[in-house]
């Protein structure tokens, strides 16, 4: 609601009016989505406390790759050469940044 503002409510009503969901089913899906995202963050925080930060950063980068590949497969989205290169650069950059930040923290 902080980002979408009151537009959320009109979008919610539009989705229900389209007939794909009832008020209850859409509310349940939104609540489940929020709950699973919260649990994901809790697990990530607990994992960070148990493993080395570099290991956590590498695992997080691998998770990003798995999500991209699974999305491409599940939604049958073709990836152009440019999007493959762009995704690779973004993932490599995220990994290198995480590793560099962890290395600089160790020096301090």
Protein backbone atom coordinates (compact mmCIF):
# COMPACT_ATOMS: atom_id res chain seq x y z
CA UNK A 1 0.00 0.00 0.00
CA UNK A 2 2.91 2.32 0.63
CA UNK A 3 4.00 2.12 -2.99
CA UNK A 4 0.70 1.64 -4.78
CA UNK A 5 -1.43 3.91 -2.64
CA UNK A 6 -5.16 3.79 -3.09
CA UNK A 7 -4.75 2.41 -6.63
CA UNK A 8 -4.35 -1.00 -5.03
CA UNK A 9 -8.01 -1.09 -4.05
CA UNK A 10 -9.29 -0.21 -7.51
CA UNK A 11 -6.98 -2.83 -9.06
CA UNK A 12 -8.24 -5.38 -6.54
CA UNK A 13 -11.85 -4.59 -7.48
CA UNK A 14 -11.00 -4.81 -11.20
CA UNK A 15 -9.48 -8.26 -10.78
CA UNK A 16 -12.51 -9.48 -8.84
CA UNK A 17 -14.85 -7.92 -11.43
CA UNK A 18 -13.03 -9.80 -14.20
CA UNK A 19 -14.39 -12.98 -12.62
CA UNK A 20 -11.14 -14.87 -12.15
CA UNK A 21 -11.14 -14.49 -8.36
CA UNK A 22 -13.57 -13.83 -5.56
CA UNK A 23 -12.84 -11.27 -2.85
CA UNK A 24 -12.00 -14.10 -0.48
CA UNK A 25 -9.78 -16.08 -2.84
CA UNK A 26 -7.79 -13.03 -3.90
CA UNK A 27 -7.41 -11.91 -0.29
CA UNK A 28 -6.19 -15.38 0.69
CA UNK A 29 -3.67 -15.43 -2.17
CA UNK A 30 -2.37 -12.00 -1.21
CA UNK A 31 -2.07 -13.04 2.44
CA UNK A 32 -0.27 -16.26 1.49
CA UNK A 33 2.09 -14.34 -0.78
CA UNK A 34 2.91 -11.92 2.02
CA UNK A 35 3.37 -14.69 4.56
CA UNK A 36 5.68 -16.72 2.33
CA UNK A 37 7.78 -13.65 1.53
CA UNK A 38 8.06 -12.91 5.26
CA UNK A 39 9.10 -16.52 5.95
CA UNK A 40 11.65 -16.35 3.12
CA UNK A 41 13.22 -13.27 4.73
CA UNK A 42 13.27 -14.95 8.14
CA UNK A 43 14.98 -18.04 6.73
CA UNK A 44 17.52 -15.90 4.85
CA UNK A 45 18.30 -13.97 8.05
CA UNK A 46 18.71 -17.19 10.04
CA UNK A 47 20.90 -18.67 7.31
CA UNK A 48 23.09 -15.56 7.32
CA UNK A 49 23.70 -16.11 11.03
CA UNK A 50 24.73 -19.72 10.48
CA UNK A 51 27.00 -19.50 7.42
CA UNK A 52 29.88 -17.38 6.26
CA UNK A 53 28.70 -14.16 4.53
CA UNK A 54 30.55 -15.16 1.36
CA UNK A 55 28.72 -18.48 1.30
CA UNK A 56 25.44 -16.65 1.78
CA UNK A 57 26.27 -14.23 -1.07
CA UNK A 58 27.15 -17.09 -3.41
CA UNK A 59 23.97 -18.95 -2.46
CA UNK A 60 21.90 -15.83 -3.06
CA UNK A 61 23.47 -15.40 -6.50
CA UNK A 62 22.77 -19.05 -7.35
CA UNK A 63 19.16 -18.50 -6.22
CA UNK A 64 18.87 -15.63 -8.71
CA UNK A 65 20.12 -17.85 -11.52
CA UNK A 66 17.66 -20.60 -10.59
CA UNK A 67 14.76 -18.11 -10.52
CA UNK A 68 15.68 -16.71 -13.94
CA UNK A 69 16.05 -20.17 -15.50
CA UNK A 70 12.85 -21.46 -13.86
CA UNK A 71 10.93 -18.42 -15.08
CA UNK A 72 12.18 -18.87 -18.62
CA UNK A 73 11.22 -22.55 -18.56
CA UNK A 74 7.88 -22.16 -16.76
CA UNK A 75 6.62 -19.23 -18.81
CA UNK A 76 8.29 -20.37 -22.04
CA UNK A 77 9.86 -16.95 -22.44
CA UNK A 78 12.50 -16.91 -25.15
CA UNK A 79 15.71 -15.17 -24.11
CA UNK A 80 17.57 -13.20 -26.72
CA UNK A 81 21.34 -13.08 -26.76
CA UNK A 82 21.16 -9.58 -25.31
CA UNK A 83 19.01 -10.64 -22.37
CA UNK A 84 21.28 -13.61 -21.67
CA UNK A 85 24.32 -11.33 -21.69
CA UNK A 86 22.52 -8.73 -19.57
CA UNK A 87 21.38 -11.31 -17.02
CA UNK A 88 24.88 -12.77 -16.85
CA UNK A 89 26.45 -9.35 -16.29
CA UNK A 90 23.90 -8.48 -13.59
CA UNK A 91 24.39 -11.78 -11.78
CA UNK A 92 28.18 -11.62 -12.02
CA UNK A 93 28.13 -8.01 -10.86
CA UNK A 94 25.97 -8.88 -7.87
CA UNK A 95 28.27 -11.73 -6.93
CA UNK A 96 31.43 -9.68 -7.32
CA UNK A 97 29.95 -6.80 -5.33
CA UNK A 98 28.95 -9.14 -2.50
CA UNK A 99 32.39 -10.73 -2.46
CA UNK A 100 34.13 -7.34 -2.52
CA UNK A 101 31.97 -5.99 0.31
CA UNK A 102 32.68 -9.05 2.43
CA UNK A 103 36.41 -8.76 1.70
CA UNK A 104 36.45 -5.08 2.71
CA UNK A 105 34.55 -5.87 5.94
CA UNK A 106 37.16 -8.47 6.86
CA UNK A 107 39.94 -5.85 6.52
CA UNK A 108 38.20 -3.51 8.97
